[in-house]
C-alpha atoms as a PDB file:
ATOM      1  CA  MET A   1     112.064 122.418 111.508  1.00  0.00           C
ATOM      2  CA  HIS A   2     108.575 120.856 112.019  1.00  0.00           C
ATOM      3  CA  GLU A   3     108.574 117.631 114.003  1.00  0.00           C
ATOM      4  CA  PRO A   4     107.226 115.096 111.591  1.00  0.00           C
ATOM      5  CA  GLU A   5     103.833 113.128 112.698  1.00  0.00           C
ATOM      6  CA  ARG A   6     101.292 111.076 110.861  1.00  0.00           C
ATOM      7  CA  GLY A   7      99.865 112.508 107.605  1.00  0.00           C
ATOM      8  CA  ASP A   8     102.573 115.523 107.135  1.00  0.00           C
ATOM      9  CA  LEU A   9     103.161 116.205 103.573  1.00  0.00           C
ATOM     10  CA  TYR A  10     106.762 117.156 102.830  1.00  0.00           C
ATOM     11  CA  LYS A  11     108.501 118.398  99.658  1.00  0.00           C
ATOM     12  CA  HIS A  12     111.983 116.958  99.293  1.00  0.00           C
ATOM     13  CA  PHE A  13     114.694 119.404  98.362  1.00  0.00           C
ATOM     14  CA  LYS A  14     115.244 117.345  95.091  1.00  0.00           C
ATOM     15  CA  GLY A  15     111.457 117.659  94.129  1.00  0.00           C
ATOM     16  CA  GLY A  16     108.935 115.028  94.844  1.00  0.00           C
ATOM     17  CA  PHE A  17     106.305 114.744  97.644  1.00  0.00           C
ATOM     18  CA  TYR A  18     106.118 112.647 100.604  1.00  0.00           C
ATOM     19  CA  ILE A  19     103.657 111.514 103.447  1.00  0.00           C
ATOM     20  CA  VAL A  20     104.628 110.481 106.751  1.00  0.00           C
ATOM     21  CA  LEU A  21     102.866 107.179 107.835  1.00  0.00           C
ATOM     22  CA  TYR A  22     104.399 106.877 111.238  1.00  0.00           C
ATOM     23  CA  ALA A  23     107.479 106.987 113.399  1.00  0.00           C
ATOM     24  CA  GLY A  24     108.762 103.959 115.167  1.00  0.00           C
ATOM     25  CA  VAL A  25     111.599 103.383 117.454  1.00  0.00           C
ATOM     26  CA  LYS A  26     114.317 100.757 116.952  1.00  0.00           C
ATOM     27  CA  ASN A  27     115.617  99.268 120.377  1.00  0.00           C
ATOM     28  CA  ALA A  28     117.773  96.181 119.571  1.00  0.00           C
ATOM     29  CA  ASN A  29     119.265  95.854 123.030  1.00  0.00           C
ATOM     30  CA  ASN A  30     116.244  96.907 125.154  1.00  0.00           C
ATOM     31  CA  ASP A  31     118.087  99.830 126.673  1.00  0.00           C
ATOM     32  CA  ALA A  32     116.697 103.047 126.493  1.00  0.00           C
ATOM     33  CA  ASN A  33     119.910 104.701 125.977  1.00  0.00           C
ATOM     34  CA  ASP A  34     120.151 102.733 122.680  1.00  0.00           C
ATOM     35  CA  GLU A  35     116.561 103.671 121.149  1.00  0.00           C
ATOM     36  CA  GLU A  36     116.734 105.295 117.704  1.00  0.00           C
ATOM     37  CA  THR A  37     113.616 106.796 115.918  1.00  0.00           C
ATOM     38  CA  TYR A  38     112.817 106.200 112.473  1.00  0.00           C
ATOM     39  CA  ILE A  39     110.283 107.956 109.921  1.00  0.00           C
ATOM     40  CA  PHE A  40     108.448 105.720 107.728  1.00  0.00           C
ATOM     41  CA  TYR A  41     107.193 107.675 104.934  1.00  0.00           C
ATOM     42  CA  LYS A  42     105.814 107.180 100.933  1.00  0.00           C
ATOM     43  CA  ARG A  43     106.220 109.173  97.892  1.00  0.00           C
ATOM     44  CA  VAL A  44     103.035 110.861  96.605  1.00  0.00           C
ATOM     45  CA  GLY A  45     102.108 109.385  93.226  1.00  0.00           C
ATOM     46  CA  ASN A  46     103.960 106.045  92.931  1.00  0.00           C
ATOM     47  CA  GLY A  47     103.326 104.925  96.610  1.00  0.00           C
ATOM     48  CA  ASP A  48     107.377 103.974  96.870  1.00  0.00           C
ATOM     49  CA  MET A  49     107.924 103.530 100.705  1.00  0.00           C
ATOM     50  CA  TYR A  50     110.838 104.819 102.689  1.00  0.00           C
ATOM     51  CA  ILE A  51     112.397 104.453 106.160  1.00  0.00           C
ATOM     52  CA  ARG A  52     114.990 107.091 107.356  1.00  0.00           C
ATOM     53  CA  LYS A  53     116.360 107.845 110.888  1.00  0.00           C
ATOM     54  CA  HIS A  54     114.740 110.878 112.349  1.00  0.00           C
ATOM     55  CA  SER A  55     117.863 112.624 112.662  1.00  0.00           C
ATOM     56  CA  GLU A  56     118.341 112.459 108.890  1.00  0.00           C
ATOM     57  CA  PHE A  57     114.790 113.085 108.020  1.00  0.00           C
ATOM     58  CA  VAL A  58     115.193 116.734 109.818  1.00  0.00           C
ATOM     59  CA  SER A  59     118.698 117.355 108.969  1.00  0.00           C
ATOM     60  CA  LYS A  60     119.970 119.857 106.580  1.00  0.00           C
ATOM     61  CA  ILE A  61     121.858 119.164 103.392  1.00  0.00           C
ATOM     62  CA  ASN A  62     125.465 120.505 103.330  1.00  0.00           C
ATOM     63  CA  GLY A  63     124.227 122.972 106.383  1.00  0.00           C
ATOM     64  CA  LYS A  64     122.232 124.834 104.005  1.00  0.00           C
ATOM     65  CA  GLN A  65     118.666 123.684 103.410  1.00  0.00           C
ATOM     66  CA  TYR A  66     116.471 121.117 105.030  1.00  0.00           C
ATOM     67  CA  ARG A  67     116.092 117.775 103.294  1.00  0.00           C
ATOM     68  CA  PHE A  68     112.582 117.926 103.548  1.00  0.00           C
ATOM     69  CA  LYS A  69     110.349 120.952 103.659  1.00  0.00           C
ATOM     70  CA  TYR A  70     106.810 120.810 105.611  1.00  0.00           C
ATOM     71  CA  VAL A  71     104.078 121.560 103.469  1.00  0.00           C
ATOM     72  CA  GLY A  72     100.974 120.533 105.596  1.00  0.00           C
ATOM     73  CA  ASN A  73      99.098 117.383 107.100  1.00  0.00           C
ATOM     74  CA  VAL A  74      96.662 115.692 104.622  1.00  0.00           C
ATOM     75  CA  LEU A  75      94.803 114.253 107.467  1.00  0.00           C
ATOM     76  CA  ASN A  76      93.705 117.583 108.779  1.00  0.00           C
ATOM     77  CA  ASP A  77      92.929 119.024 105.403  1.00  0.00           C
ATOM     78  CA  GLU A  78      89.312 118.622 103.978  1.00  0.00           C
ATOM     79  CA  ARG A  79      90.353 118.882 100.307  1.00  0.00           C
ATOM     80  CA  TYR A  80      92.680 115.774 100.781  1.00  0.00           C
ATOM     81  CA  LYS A  81      89.820 113.927 102.903  1.00  0.00           C
ATOM     82  CA  LYS A  82      87.576 114.300  99.871  1.00  0.00           C
ATOM     83  CA  ASN A  83      89.991 113.374  97.092  1.00  0.00           C
ATOM     84  CA  GLU A  84      89.324 116.724  95.570  1.00  0.00           C
ATOM     85  CA  GLU A  85      93.089 117.347  95.016  1.00  0.00           C
ATOM     86  CA  THR A  86      95.960 115.657  95.330  1.00  0.00           C
ATOM     87  CA  PRO A  87      98.787 116.999  97.633  1.00  0.00           C
ATOM     88  CA  VAL A  88     100.644 117.777  94.333  1.00  0.00           C
ATOM     89  CA  GLN A  89      97.975 119.551  92.550  1.00  0.00           C
ATOM     90  CA  SER A  90      97.324 121.949  95.199  1.00  0.00           C
ATOM     91  CA  GLN A  91     101.182 122.973  95.322  1.00  0.00           C
ATOM     92  CA  ASN A  92     101.323 123.837  91.797  1.00  0.00           C
END
């Protein structure tokens, strides 16, 4: 599984494309052993934003397929920088 990073484009197993905005660490007790990493991401098209634990983001569904499939990084792709295509258009 690709390690999620800013600008990564993923396709959800139910359909829909999502872009990773950033990862954040929750440490409620200031204890390094109690840290949890979360992935902040948004849906392509309507811009709805979501937060999911890193472990869930990279997990498999029923042990069969990954929840999200890595497609590419929109920050490193010139087509997306120039707004010539949306990530969804380029996948069709």
